[in-house]
């Protein structure tokens, strides 16, 4: 288990030694299907534990204009589901994510229930798909979050990376 990262995430700096061009392929196969791009398609990253601290939740709620007394805002899932695990993907040299050409295109969340302030959650990220179509790389990343062994939330995001 990997502890949650404290402090700001170095997401905009990119992965050390990572060159997005190394992961490029030609594009579509002869049958019209997208060409797999990297070694990370299907890869699951280690579980990350995050405690939903009251002061962090309150600051987040105030920043988005939500009532800080109303508990954990639904959009806080971006913190405990995506950001806590995506740093593993973005730091993975095999993923070769080129931040200079990255566009965050889709994001969705689904909950079985919303977490409580003070709760500890476990998130695990997985690369669902990594393909290239017409010189654009589509990297689909999904997370599953649980608490106390029970499912809590899942998320999915798609990054489009220009080749």
N, C-alpha and C. Protein backbone atom coordinates (compact mmCIF):
# COMPACT_ATOMS: atom_id res chain seq x y z
N UNK A 1 0.84 -1.16 0.00
CA UNK A 1 0.00 0.00 0.00
C UNK A 1 0.90 1.24 0.00
N UNK A 2 0.53 2.22 -0.79
CA UNK A 2 1.28 3.46 -0.91
C UNK A 2 0.51 4.53 -0.15
N UNK A 3 1.18 5.29 0.75
CA UNK A 3 0.47 6.36 1.45
C UNK A 3 0.14 7.49 0.47
N UNK A 4 -0.93 8.21 0.77
CA UNK A 4 -1.31 9.34 -0.08
C UNK A 4 -0.22 10.40 -0.02
N UNK A 5 -0.01 11.06 -1.13
CA UNK A 5 1.01 12.10 -1.23
C UNK A 5 0.53 13.34 -0.49
N UNK A 6 1.42 13.94 0.28
CA UNK A 6 1.11 15.18 0.98
C UNK A 6 1.68 16.35 0.17
N UNK A 7 0.98 17.46 0.15
CA UNK A 7 1.47 18.65 -0.54
C UNK A 7 1.02 18.68 -1.99
N UNK A 8 1.48 19.70 -2.72
CA UNK A 8 1.05 19.86 -4.10
C UNK A 8 1.58 18.75 -4.99
N UNK A 9 0.82 18.42 -6.00
CA UNK A 9 1.23 17.38 -6.93
C UNK A 9 2.05 17.98 -8.06
N UNK A 10 3.14 17.33 -8.45
CA UNK A 10 3.99 17.86 -9.52
C UNK A 10 3.49 17.44 -10.90
N UNK A 11 2.18 17.47 -11.11
CA UNK A 11 1.61 16.93 -12.34
C UNK A 11 2.04 17.69 -13.59
N UNK A 12 2.21 18.99 -13.49
CA UNK A 12 2.52 19.76 -14.68
C UNK A 12 3.97 19.65 -15.09
N UNK A 13 4.81 19.12 -14.23
CA UNK A 13 6.22 18.98 -14.56
C UNK A 13 6.48 17.76 -15.41
N UNK A 14 5.58 16.79 -15.40
CA UNK A 14 5.77 15.58 -16.19
C UNK A 14 6.64 14.58 -15.47
N UNK A 15 6.72 13.41 -16.02
CA UNK A 15 7.51 12.35 -15.41
C UNK A 15 8.98 12.54 -15.72
N UNK A 16 9.82 12.24 -14.76
CA UNK A 16 11.26 12.36 -14.96
C UNK A 16 11.72 11.41 -16.05
N UNK A 17 12.50 11.93 -16.97
CA UNK A 17 13.05 11.10 -18.02
C UNK A 17 12.02 10.59 -19.01
N UNK A 18 10.84 11.16 -18.97
CA UNK A 18 9.74 10.67 -19.79
C UNK A 18 9.67 11.46 -21.10
N UNK A 19 9.68 10.77 -22.19
CA UNK A 19 9.54 11.41 -23.49
C UNK A 19 8.33 10.81 -24.18
N UNK A 20 7.29 11.63 -24.33
CA UNK A 20 6.05 11.14 -24.92
C UNK A 20 6.22 10.56 -26.31
N UNK A 21 7.18 11.08 -27.08
CA UNK A 21 7.38 10.61 -28.44
C UNK A 21 7.82 9.16 -28.47
N UNK A 22 8.47 8.66 -27.41
CA UNK A 22 8.93 7.28 -27.40
C UNK A 22 7.77 6.29 -27.45
N UNK A 23 6.61 6.69 -26.97
CA UNK A 23 5.47 5.77 -26.89
C UNK A 23 4.61 5.79 -28.15
N UNK A 24 4.93 6.65 -29.12
CA UNK A 24 4.09 6.79 -30.31
C UNK A 24 4.16 5.58 -31.23
N UNK A 25 3.05 5.32 -31.85
CA UNK A 25 2.98 4.28 -32.88
C UNK A 25 2.40 4.91 -34.13
N UNK A 26 2.17 4.14 -35.13
CA UNK A 26 1.72 4.67 -36.41
C UNK A 26 0.25 5.09 -36.45
N UNK A 27 -0.60 4.56 -35.65
CA UNK A 27 -1.99 4.97 -35.68
C UNK A 27 -2.93 3.80 -35.84
N UNK A 28 -3.74 3.81 -36.88
CA UNK A 28 -4.74 2.78 -37.07
C UNK A 28 -4.16 1.54 -37.76
N UNK A 29 -4.67 0.38 -37.36
CA UNK A 29 -4.30 -0.87 -38.03
C UNK A 29 -5.02 -0.94 -39.37
N UNK A 30 -4.67 -1.91 -40.17
CA UNK A 30 -5.32 -2.06 -41.48
C UNK A 30 -6.81 -2.34 -41.33
N UNK A 31 -7.20 -2.97 -40.22
CA UNK A 31 -8.62 -3.28 -40.02
C UNK A 31 -9.39 -2.09 -39.45
N UNK A 32 -8.73 -0.93 -39.28
CA UNK A 32 -9.39 0.27 -38.81
C UNK A 32 -9.42 0.44 -37.31
N UNK A 33 -8.99 -0.59 -36.57
CA UNK A 33 -8.97 -0.47 -35.11
C UNK A 33 -7.77 0.36 -34.67
N UNK A 34 -7.88 0.96 -33.49
CA UNK A 34 -6.79 1.78 -32.97
C UNK A 34 -5.60 0.91 -32.60
N UNK A 35 -4.44 1.45 -32.78
CA UNK A 35 -3.18 0.76 -32.48
C UNK A 35 -2.84 0.96 -31.00
N UNK A 36 -2.55 -0.12 -30.24
CA UNK A 36 -2.09 0.05 -28.85
C UNK A 36 -0.79 0.86 -28.85
N UNK A 37 -0.63 1.72 -27.84
CA UNK A 37 0.51 2.62 -27.83
C UNK A 37 1.61 2.19 -26.88
N UNK A 38 1.30 1.95 -25.63
CA UNK A 38 2.36 1.73 -24.64
C UNK A 38 2.23 0.40 -23.93
N UNK A 39 3.19 0.17 -23.05
CA UNK A 39 3.24 -1.05 -22.25
C UNK A 39 2.28 -1.01 -21.06
N UNK A 40 1.60 0.10 -20.85
CA UNK A 40 0.81 0.24 -19.63
C UNK A 40 -0.67 -0.12 -19.76
N UNK A 41 -1.15 -0.37 -20.97
CA UNK A 41 -2.56 -0.74 -21.12
C UNK A 41 -2.85 -1.98 -20.27
N UNK A 42 -3.84 -1.88 -19.40
CA UNK A 42 -4.18 -2.97 -18.50
C UNK A 42 -3.42 -2.97 -17.19
N UNK A 43 -2.47 -2.07 -17.05
CA UNK A 43 -1.65 -2.03 -15.83
C UNK A 43 -2.46 -1.48 -14.66
N UNK A 44 -2.34 -2.14 -13.50
CA UNK A 44 -2.96 -1.68 -12.26
C UNK A 44 -1.85 -1.20 -11.34
N UNK A 45 -2.06 -0.04 -10.74
CA UNK A 45 -1.07 0.56 -9.85
C UNK A 45 -1.39 0.21 -8.39
N UNK A 46 -0.40 0.32 -7.50
CA UNK A 46 -0.62 -0.01 -6.09
C UNK A 46 -1.72 0.85 -5.45
N UNK A 47 -2.38 0.27 -4.49
CA UNK A 47 -3.43 0.93 -3.74
C UNK A 47 -2.87 2.13 -2.99
N UNK A 48 -3.65 3.21 -2.91
CA UNK A 48 -3.25 4.42 -2.20
C UNK A 48 -4.28 4.68 -1.10
N UNK A 49 -3.79 4.91 0.11
CA UNK A 49 -4.66 5.19 1.25
C UNK A 49 -4.73 6.70 1.46
N UNK A 50 -5.95 7.22 1.59
CA UNK A 50 -6.15 8.65 1.82
C UNK A 50 -7.15 8.83 2.96
N UNK A 51 -6.77 9.64 3.93
CA UNK A 51 -7.69 10.01 5.01
C UNK A 51 -8.33 11.34 4.63
N UNK A 52 -9.64 11.41 4.69
CA UNK A 52 -10.35 12.63 4.32
C UNK A 52 -10.34 13.59 5.51
N UNK A 53 -9.30 14.40 5.55
CA UNK A 53 -9.07 15.32 6.66
C UNK A 53 -10.05 16.49 6.62
N UNK A 54 -10.57 16.85 7.79
CA UNK A 54 -11.58 17.90 7.89
C UNK A 54 -11.11 19.23 7.32
N UNK A 55 -9.87 19.63 7.62
CA UNK A 55 -9.40 20.93 7.13
C UNK A 55 -9.23 20.95 5.61
N UNK A 56 -8.81 19.83 5.02
CA UNK A 56 -8.67 19.75 3.57
C UNK A 56 -10.04 19.78 2.89
N UNK A 57 -10.98 19.02 3.44
CA UNK A 57 -12.34 18.99 2.88
C UNK A 57 -12.98 20.37 2.99
N UNK A 58 -12.81 21.03 4.13
CA UNK A 58 -13.37 22.36 4.34
C UNK A 58 -12.78 23.36 3.33
N UNK A 59 -11.45 23.34 3.16
CA UNK A 59 -10.79 24.25 2.22
C UNK A 59 -11.28 24.00 0.79
N UNK A 60 -11.44 22.75 0.43
CA UNK A 60 -11.93 22.40 -0.91
C UNK A 60 -13.36 22.92 -1.09
N UNK A 61 -14.21 22.68 -0.10
CA UNK A 61 -15.60 23.13 -0.18
C UNK A 61 -15.67 24.65 -0.33
N UNK A 62 -14.88 25.37 0.44
CA UNK A 62 -14.88 26.83 0.34
C UNK A 62 -14.39 27.28 -1.03
N UNK A 63 -13.39 26.60 -1.56
CA UNK A 63 -12.82 26.97 -2.87
C UNK A 63 -13.83 26.82 -4.00
N UNK A 64 -14.73 25.86 -3.89
CA UNK A 64 -15.72 25.65 -4.96
C UNK A 64 -17.07 26.29 -4.64
N UNK A 65 -17.16 26.97 -3.50
CA UNK A 65 -18.39 27.65 -3.14
C UNK A 65 -19.44 26.75 -2.52
N UNK A 66 -19.03 25.59 -2.03
CA UNK A 66 -19.97 24.67 -1.37
C UNK A 66 -20.01 24.97 0.13
N UNK A 67 -21.02 24.49 0.80
CA UNK A 67 -21.15 24.67 2.25
C UNK A 67 -20.16 23.76 2.96
N UNK A 68 -19.17 24.33 3.68
CA UNK A 68 -18.17 23.50 4.37
C UNK A 68 -18.77 22.61 5.46
N UNK A 69 -19.96 22.94 5.94
CA UNK A 69 -20.61 22.15 6.99
C UNK A 69 -21.40 20.97 6.42
N UNK A 70 -21.53 20.90 5.09
CA UNK A 70 -22.36 19.88 4.46
C UNK A 70 -21.63 18.56 4.24
N UNK A 71 -20.40 18.45 4.71
CA UNK A 71 -19.65 17.20 4.53
C UNK A 71 -18.78 17.23 3.30
N UNK A 72 -18.42 16.06 2.83
CA UNK A 72 -17.51 15.92 1.69
C UNK A 72 -18.27 16.22 0.39
N UNK A 73 -17.85 17.27 -0.34
CA UNK A 73 -18.51 17.55 -1.63
C UNK A 73 -18.28 16.40 -2.62
N UNK A 74 -19.26 16.11 -3.47
CA UNK A 74 -19.08 15.03 -4.44
C UNK A 74 -17.83 15.21 -5.31
N UNK A 75 -17.52 16.45 -5.67
CA UNK A 75 -16.36 16.69 -6.54
C UNK A 75 -15.03 16.47 -5.83
N UNK A 76 -15.05 16.26 -4.52
CA UNK A 76 -13.81 15.95 -3.80
C UNK A 76 -13.28 14.58 -4.22
N UNK A 77 -14.08 13.81 -4.92
CA UNK A 77 -13.62 12.53 -5.46
C UNK A 77 -12.44 12.73 -6.39
N UNK A 78 -12.34 13.91 -7.00
CA UNK A 78 -11.17 14.21 -7.84
C UNK A 78 -9.89 14.13 -7.02
N UNK A 79 -9.97 14.42 -5.73
CA UNK A 79 -8.80 14.38 -4.85
C UNK A 79 -8.50 12.94 -4.42
N UNK A 80 -9.49 12.27 -3.83
CA UNK A 80 -9.20 10.94 -3.25
C UNK A 80 -9.25 9.81 -4.27
N UNK A 81 -9.90 10.00 -5.40
CA UNK A 81 -9.96 8.93 -6.41
C UNK A 81 -8.94 9.15 -7.52
N UNK A 82 -8.94 10.34 -8.13
CA UNK A 82 -8.06 10.57 -9.27
C UNK A 82 -6.67 11.06 -8.90
N UNK A 83 -6.58 12.20 -8.24
CA UNK A 83 -5.26 12.79 -8.01
C UNK A 83 -4.38 11.92 -7.13
N UNK A 84 -4.98 11.21 -6.18
CA UNK A 84 -4.16 10.36 -5.30
C UNK A 84 -3.52 9.21 -6.06
N UNK A 85 -4.16 8.75 -7.14
CA UNK A 85 -3.63 7.62 -7.89
C UNK A 85 -2.98 8.02 -9.21
N UNK A 86 -3.45 9.08 -9.84
CA UNK A 86 -2.94 9.47 -11.16
C UNK A 86 -1.46 9.84 -11.12
N UNK A 87 -0.98 10.28 -9.97
CA UNK A 87 0.45 10.61 -9.87
C UNK A 87 1.31 9.38 -10.17
N UNK A 88 0.79 8.19 -9.88
CA UNK A 88 1.51 6.96 -10.22
C UNK A 88 1.59 6.77 -11.73
N UNK A 89 0.48 7.00 -12.40
CA UNK A 89 0.45 6.90 -13.86
C UNK A 89 1.39 7.93 -14.48
N UNK A 90 1.25 9.18 -14.05
CA UNK A 90 2.04 10.25 -14.65
C UNK A 90 3.53 10.13 -14.33
N UNK A 91 3.87 9.45 -13.26
CA UNK A 91 5.26 9.23 -12.91
C UNK A 91 5.84 7.95 -13.49
N UNK A 92 5.04 7.18 -14.19
CA UNK A 92 5.46 5.90 -14.75
C UNK A 92 6.16 6.14 -16.09
N UNK A 93 7.44 5.82 -16.15
CA UNK A 93 8.20 6.03 -17.38
C UNK A 93 7.66 5.20 -18.53
N UNK A 94 7.10 4.03 -18.24
CA UNK A 94 6.51 3.21 -19.31
C UNK A 94 5.28 3.89 -19.92
N UNK A 95 4.57 4.70 -19.14
CA UNK A 95 3.39 5.40 -19.65
C UNK A 95 3.79 6.54 -20.58
N UNK A 96 4.95 7.14 -20.36
CA UNK A 96 5.48 8.20 -21.22
C UNK A 96 4.44 9.26 -21.56
N UNK A 97 3.80 9.83 -20.53
CA UNK A 97 2.79 10.86 -20.74
C UNK A 97 3.49 12.18 -21.06
N UNK A 98 3.18 12.74 -22.21
CA UNK A 98 3.76 14.00 -22.66
C UNK A 98 2.84 15.16 -22.24
N UNK A 99 3.19 15.83 -21.15
CA UNK A 99 2.33 16.87 -20.59
C UNK A 99 2.21 18.10 -21.48
N UNK A 100 3.19 18.35 -22.31
CA UNK A 100 3.14 19.53 -23.18
C UNK A 100 2.02 19.40 -24.22
N UNK A 101 1.57 18.19 -24.48
CA UNK A 101 0.55 17.97 -25.50
C UNK A 101 -0.70 17.28 -24.95
N UNK A 102 -0.89 17.32 -23.63
CA UNK A 102 -1.99 16.60 -22.99
C UNK A 102 -3.23 17.48 -22.86
N UNK A 103 -4.37 16.90 -23.18
CA UNK A 103 -5.67 17.54 -22.99
C UNK A 103 -6.54 16.58 -22.18
N UNK A 104 -7.00 17.04 -21.03
CA UNK A 104 -7.91 16.24 -20.19
C UNK A 104 -9.29 16.36 -20.83
N UNK A 105 -9.78 15.29 -21.46
CA UNK A 105 -10.99 15.43 -22.27
C UNK A 105 -12.28 14.95 -21.60
N UNK A 106 -12.21 13.91 -20.79
CA UNK A 106 -13.42 13.37 -20.16
C UNK A 106 -13.12 12.99 -18.71
N UNK A 107 -14.16 13.07 -17.88
CA UNK A 107 -14.03 12.62 -16.50
C UNK A 107 -15.42 12.29 -15.98
N UNK A 108 -15.54 11.17 -15.29
CA UNK A 108 -16.83 10.81 -14.71
C UNK A 108 -16.62 10.07 -13.40
N UNK A 109 -17.60 10.19 -12.52
CA UNK A 109 -17.57 9.52 -11.22
C UNK A 109 -18.89 8.80 -11.00
N UNK A 110 -18.82 7.73 -10.23
CA UNK A 110 -20.01 6.97 -9.85
C UNK A 110 -19.82 6.54 -8.40
N UNK A 111 -20.85 6.73 -7.57
CA UNK A 111 -20.75 6.42 -6.15
C UNK A 111 -21.77 5.36 -5.74
N UNK A 112 -21.37 4.50 -4.81
CA UNK A 112 -22.35 3.66 -4.14
C UNK A 112 -22.83 4.39 -2.89
N UNK A 113 -21.97 5.24 -2.36
CA UNK A 113 -22.32 6.16 -1.27
C UNK A 113 -21.22 7.22 -1.20
N UNK A 114 -21.51 8.32 -0.53
CA UNK A 114 -20.51 9.38 -0.38
C UNK A 114 -19.76 9.19 0.93
N UNK A 115 -18.46 9.47 0.94
CA UNK A 115 -17.67 9.28 2.15
C UNK A 115 -17.95 10.36 3.19
N UNK A 116 -17.51 10.08 4.40
CA UNK A 116 -17.65 11.01 5.51
C UNK A 116 -16.29 11.65 5.82
N UNK A 117 -16.32 12.85 6.36
CA UNK A 117 -15.08 13.50 6.82
C UNK A 117 -14.45 12.60 7.88
N UNK A 118 -13.14 12.41 7.81
CA UNK A 118 -12.42 11.57 8.76
C UNK A 118 -12.28 10.13 8.31
N UNK A 119 -13.00 9.74 7.30
CA UNK A 119 -12.95 8.37 6.79
C UNK A 119 -11.64 8.14 6.03
N UNK A 120 -11.15 6.92 6.09
CA UNK A 120 -9.97 6.53 5.32
C UNK A 120 -10.44 5.68 4.15
N UNK A 121 -10.00 6.08 2.95
CA UNK A 121 -10.41 5.36 1.74
C UNK A 121 -9.17 4.78 1.05
N UNK A 122 -9.38 3.72 0.31
CA UNK A 122 -8.32 3.07 -0.46
C UNK A 122 -8.67 3.17 -1.94
N UNK A 123 -7.77 3.75 -2.72
CA UNK A 123 -8.00 3.92 -4.16
C UNK A 123 -6.96 3.16 -4.95
N UNK A 124 -7.40 2.58 -6.03
CA UNK A 124 -6.49 1.85 -6.92
C UNK A 124 -6.79 2.30 -8.35
N UNK A 125 -5.71 2.62 -9.09
CA UNK A 125 -5.85 3.08 -10.47
C UNK A 125 -5.45 2.01 -11.47
N UNK A 126 -6.06 2.07 -12.64
CA UNK A 126 -5.78 1.10 -13.70
C UNK A 126 -5.90 1.78 -15.06
N UNK A 127 -4.96 1.49 -15.95
CA UNK A 127 -5.04 1.99 -17.32
C UNK A 127 -5.97 1.05 -18.08
N UNK A 128 -7.14 1.55 -18.45
CA UNK A 128 -8.11 0.73 -19.19
C UNK A 128 -7.73 0.58 -20.65
N UNK A 129 -7.25 1.67 -21.23
CA UNK A 129 -6.94 1.64 -22.65
C UNK A 129 -5.89 2.69 -22.96
N UNK A 130 -5.02 2.40 -23.89
CA UNK A 130 -4.00 3.34 -24.34
C UNK A 130 -3.78 3.08 -25.83
N UNK A 131 -4.46 3.87 -26.65
CA UNK A 131 -4.43 3.65 -28.10
C UNK A 131 -4.16 4.96 -28.83
N UNK A 132 -3.76 4.83 -30.08
CA UNK A 132 -3.55 6.00 -30.93
C UNK A 132 -4.48 5.94 -32.13
N UNK A 133 -5.10 7.08 -32.40
CA UNK A 133 -5.97 7.23 -33.56
C UNK A 133 -5.61 8.54 -34.24
N UNK A 134 -5.19 8.47 -35.47
CA UNK A 134 -4.89 9.66 -36.27
C UNK A 134 -3.96 10.64 -35.55
N UNK A 135 -2.88 10.12 -35.06
CA UNK A 135 -1.83 10.90 -34.40
C UNK A 135 -2.28 11.51 -33.07
N UNK A 136 -3.36 11.00 -32.48
CA UNK A 136 -3.80 11.40 -31.15
C UNK A 136 -3.81 10.16 -30.27
N UNK A 137 -3.20 10.27 -29.12
CA UNK A 137 -3.15 9.17 -28.16
C UNK A 137 -4.31 9.33 -27.18
N UNK A 138 -5.09 8.28 -26.98
CA UNK A 138 -6.21 8.29 -26.04
C UNK A 138 -5.85 7.37 -24.88
N UNK A 139 -5.64 7.96 -23.72
CA UNK A 139 -5.23 7.24 -22.52
C UNK A 139 -6.40 7.25 -21.54
N UNK A 140 -7.01 6.10 -21.33
CA UNK A 140 -8.17 5.98 -20.44
C UNK A 140 -7.73 5.37 -19.12
N UNK A 141 -8.00 6.09 -18.03
CA UNK A 141 -7.55 5.71 -16.70
C UNK A 141 -8.77 5.61 -15.79
N UNK A 142 -8.88 4.51 -15.06
CA UNK A 142 -10.02 4.30 -14.17
C UNK A 142 -9.54 4.03 -12.75
N UNK A 143 -10.35 4.42 -11.78
CA UNK A 143 -10.03 4.13 -10.39
C UNK A 143 -11.21 3.46 -9.72
N UNK A 144 -10.90 2.68 -8.70
CA UNK A 144 -11.94 2.13 -7.83
C UNK A 144 -11.53 2.47 -6.40
N UNK A 145 -12.51 2.92 -5.63
CA UNK A 145 -12.26 3.36 -4.26
C UNK A 145 -13.15 2.57 -3.33
N UNK A 146 -12.56 2.11 -2.21
CA UNK A 146 -13.39 1.45 -1.21
C UNK A 146 -13.01 1.95 0.18
N UNK A 147 -13.88 1.64 1.11
CA UNK A 147 -13.67 2.00 2.51
C UNK A 147 -14.20 0.85 3.36
N UNK A 148 -13.34 0.34 4.20
CA UNK A 148 -13.74 -0.78 5.05
C UNK A 148 -14.10 -2.02 4.25
N UNK A 149 -13.51 -2.18 3.08
CA UNK A 149 -13.78 -3.34 2.24
C UNK A 149 -15.02 -3.22 1.38
N UNK A 150 -15.75 -2.12 1.51
CA UNK A 150 -16.97 -1.91 0.73
C UNK A 150 -16.72 -0.89 -0.37
N UNK A 151 -17.24 -1.13 -1.59
CA UNK A 151 -17.07 -0.17 -2.68
C UNK A 151 -17.67 1.18 -2.32
N UNK A 152 -16.99 2.24 -2.73
CA UNK A 152 -17.42 3.59 -2.41
C UNK A 152 -17.64 4.41 -3.68
N UNK A 153 -16.64 4.39 -4.55
CA UNK A 153 -16.66 5.27 -5.71
C UNK A 153 -15.81 4.67 -6.83
N UNK A 154 -16.17 4.99 -8.05
CA UNK A 154 -15.30 4.65 -9.18
C UNK A 154 -15.22 5.89 -10.07
N UNK A 155 -14.14 5.99 -10.80
CA UNK A 155 -13.98 7.12 -11.69
C UNK A 155 -13.32 6.66 -12.98
N UNK A 156 -13.45 7.50 -13.97
CA UNK A 156 -12.85 7.22 -15.27
C UNK A 156 -12.49 8.56 -15.90
N UNK A 157 -11.29 8.64 -16.46
CA UNK A 157 -10.91 9.86 -17.18
C UNK A 157 -10.20 9.47 -18.47
N UNK A 158 -10.34 10.35 -19.44
CA UNK A 158 -9.67 10.15 -20.72
C UNK A 158 -8.78 11.36 -20.97
N UNK A 159 -7.52 11.10 -21.24
CA UNK A 159 -6.58 12.14 -21.65
C UNK A 159 -6.29 11.94 -23.13
N UNK A 160 -6.28 13.02 -23.87
CA UNK A 160 -5.91 12.98 -25.28
C UNK A 160 -4.56 13.66 -25.38
N UNK A 161 -3.61 12.97 -26.00
CA UNK A 161 -2.25 13.48 -26.09
C UNK A 161 -1.89 13.58 -27.57
N UNK A 162 -1.60 14.80 -27.99
CA UNK A 162 -1.23 15.03 -29.39
C UNK A 162 0.16 14.47 -29.65
N UNK A 163 0.31 13.74 -30.75
CA UNK A 163 1.58 13.10 -31.06
C UNK A 163 2.53 13.93 -31.85
